[in-house]
């Protein structure tokens, strides 16, 4: 933190206690890698469905995804059901396999 300069000169800043302070906080953002969702959206997936598919392939649970996106778990389950239908998969694992086929970069990141 440092005092905000006021009408006083810089020499006078440390002689009298300043009235205002400035604090600057810098945070390093979490490393995120954006994935091009084009191949998934080309299959007719809505953006929310494509994001869910990638999230599952990266190892997140439905509950984690719901909390991160601030949607209900029922909404996420609906998206998963649509994903299964559109990707012609019977299981959540099948959806993940399909994402790995379409987006190899997700697998390379350790998803």
Protein backbone atom coordinates (compact mmCIF):
# COMPACT_ATOMS: atom_id res chain seq x y z
CA UNK A 1 0.00 0.00 0.00
CA UNK A 2 1.10 3.50 -0.61
CA UNK A 3 -0.34 6.89 0.19
CA UNK A 4 -2.21 8.69 -2.56
CA UNK A 5 -0.49 11.88 -3.58
CA UNK A 6 -2.53 14.91 -2.65
CA UNK A 7 -2.01 18.60 -2.95
CA UNK A 8 1.13 18.26 -0.83
CA UNK A 9 4.49 17.65 -2.43
CA UNK A 10 6.05 14.22 -2.39
CA UNK A 11 8.47 15.35 0.33
CA UNK A 12 5.56 16.18 2.63
CA UNK A 13 3.82 12.83 2.17
CA UNK A 14 5.88 11.06 4.77
CA UNK A 15 5.99 13.94 7.25
CA UNK A 16 2.27 13.87 8.02
CA UNK A 17 0.03 10.79 7.99
CA UNK A 18 -1.85 10.63 4.70
CA UNK A 19 -5.61 10.86 4.64
CA UNK A 20 -6.13 8.41 1.77
CA UNK A 21 -4.40 5.17 0.87
CA UNK A 22 -4.20 3.18 -2.31
CA UNK A 23 -3.93 -0.60 -2.24
CA UNK A 24 -3.19 -2.59 -5.34
CA UNK A 25 -3.67 -6.34 -5.42
CA UNK A 26 -2.48 -8.38 -8.35
CA UNK A 27 -3.66 -11.93 -8.76
CA UNK A 28 -2.24 -14.44 -11.15
CA UNK A 29 -5.18 -15.92 -13.01
CA UNK A 30 -5.60 -19.67 -12.96
CA UNK A 31 -4.15 -21.25 -16.05
CA UNK A 32 -6.90 -21.97 -18.47
CA UNK A 33 -6.63 -23.30 -21.94
CA UNK A 34 -9.41 -22.40 -24.28
CA UNK A 35 -10.56 -25.22 -26.47
CA UNK A 36 -12.03 -24.56 -29.87
CA UNK A 37 -15.52 -26.00 -29.58
CA UNK A 38 -16.08 -25.88 -33.33
CA UNK A 39 -15.99 -29.65 -33.97
CA UNK A 40 -18.56 -30.21 -31.23
CA UNK A 41 -20.80 -27.39 -32.37
CA UNK A 42 -20.54 -28.68 -35.94
CA UNK A 43 -22.38 -31.77 -34.67
CA UNK A 44 -25.28 -29.58 -33.60
CA UNK A 45 -24.37 -29.18 -29.94
CA UNK A 46 -25.43 -25.98 -28.22
CA UNK A 47 -22.55 -23.98 -26.70
CA UNK A 48 -23.61 -25.02 -23.17
CA UNK A 49 -23.66 -28.68 -24.21
CA UNK A 50 -20.23 -28.38 -25.83
CA UNK A 51 -18.80 -26.74 -22.68
CA UNK A 52 -20.23 -29.54 -20.55
CA UNK A 53 -18.73 -32.18 -22.85
CA UNK A 54 -15.26 -30.62 -22.58
CA UNK A 55 -15.62 -30.20 -18.83
CA UNK A 56 -16.46 -33.90 -18.43
CA UNK A 57 -13.50 -34.84 -20.61
CA UNK A 58 -11.28 -32.72 -18.37
CA UNK A 59 -12.39 -34.84 -15.41
CA UNK A 60 -14.93 -32.58 -13.72
CA UNK A 61 -18.07 -34.01 -12.19
CA UNK A 62 -21.58 -32.86 -13.05
CA UNK A 63 -21.84 -31.18 -9.63
CA UNK A 64 -18.55 -29.32 -10.12
CA UNK A 65 -19.68 -28.11 -13.52
CA UNK A 66 -23.05 -27.01 -12.15
CA UNK A 67 -21.40 -25.05 -9.34
CA UNK A 68 -18.87 -23.43 -11.68
CA UNK A 69 -21.55 -22.38 -14.20
CA UNK A 70 -24.04 -21.48 -11.45
CA UNK A 71 -26.79 -23.64 -12.85
CA UNK A 72 -28.82 -26.38 -11.21
CA UNK A 73 -27.71 -29.99 -11.34
CA UNK A 74 -30.99 -30.77 -13.14
CA UNK A 75 -30.03 -28.37 -15.93
CA UNK A 76 -26.68 -30.12 -16.25
CA UNK A 77 -28.38 -33.52 -16.35
CA UNK A 78 -30.64 -32.26 -19.13
CA UNK A 79 -27.58 -31.09 -21.08
CA UNK A 80 -25.94 -34.48 -20.52
CA UNK A 81 -29.04 -36.30 -21.79
CA UNK A 82 -29.01 -34.14 -24.93
CA UNK A 83 -25.28 -34.74 -25.33
CA UNK A 84 -25.77 -38.49 -25.20
CA UNK A 85 -28.50 -38.28 -27.78
CA UNK A 86 -26.65 -35.97 -30.18
CA UNK A 87 -23.36 -37.87 -29.88
CA UNK A 88 -25.12 -41.25 -30.10
CA UNK A 89 -23.70 -42.40 -26.75
CA UNK A 90 -25.40 -44.41 -24.03
CA UNK A 91 -23.13 -43.38 -21.16
CA UNK A 92 -21.26 -40.39 -19.79
CA UNK A 93 -18.01 -42.26 -20.48
CA UNK A 94 -19.10 -42.58 -24.10
CA UNK A 95 -19.48 -38.81 -24.28
CA UNK A 96 -15.95 -38.39 -22.92
CA UNK A 97 -14.55 -40.86 -25.48
CA UNK A 98 -16.29 -38.98 -28.27
CA UNK A 99 -14.85 -35.65 -27.07
CA UNK A 100 -11.36 -37.20 -27.04
CA UNK A 101 -11.90 -38.30 -30.65
CA UNK A 102 -13.11 -34.89 -31.78
CA UNK A 103 -10.81 -32.72 -29.64
CA UNK A 104 -7.48 -34.50 -29.10
CA UNK A 105 -6.11 -31.38 -27.38
CA UNK A 106 -8.34 -32.14 -24.38
CA UNK A 107 -6.66 -35.53 -23.93
CA UNK A 108 -3.19 -33.99 -24.30
CA UNK A 109 -3.91 -31.63 -21.39
CA UNK A 110 -4.47 -34.63 -19.15
CA UNK A 111 -8.26 -34.66 -19.27
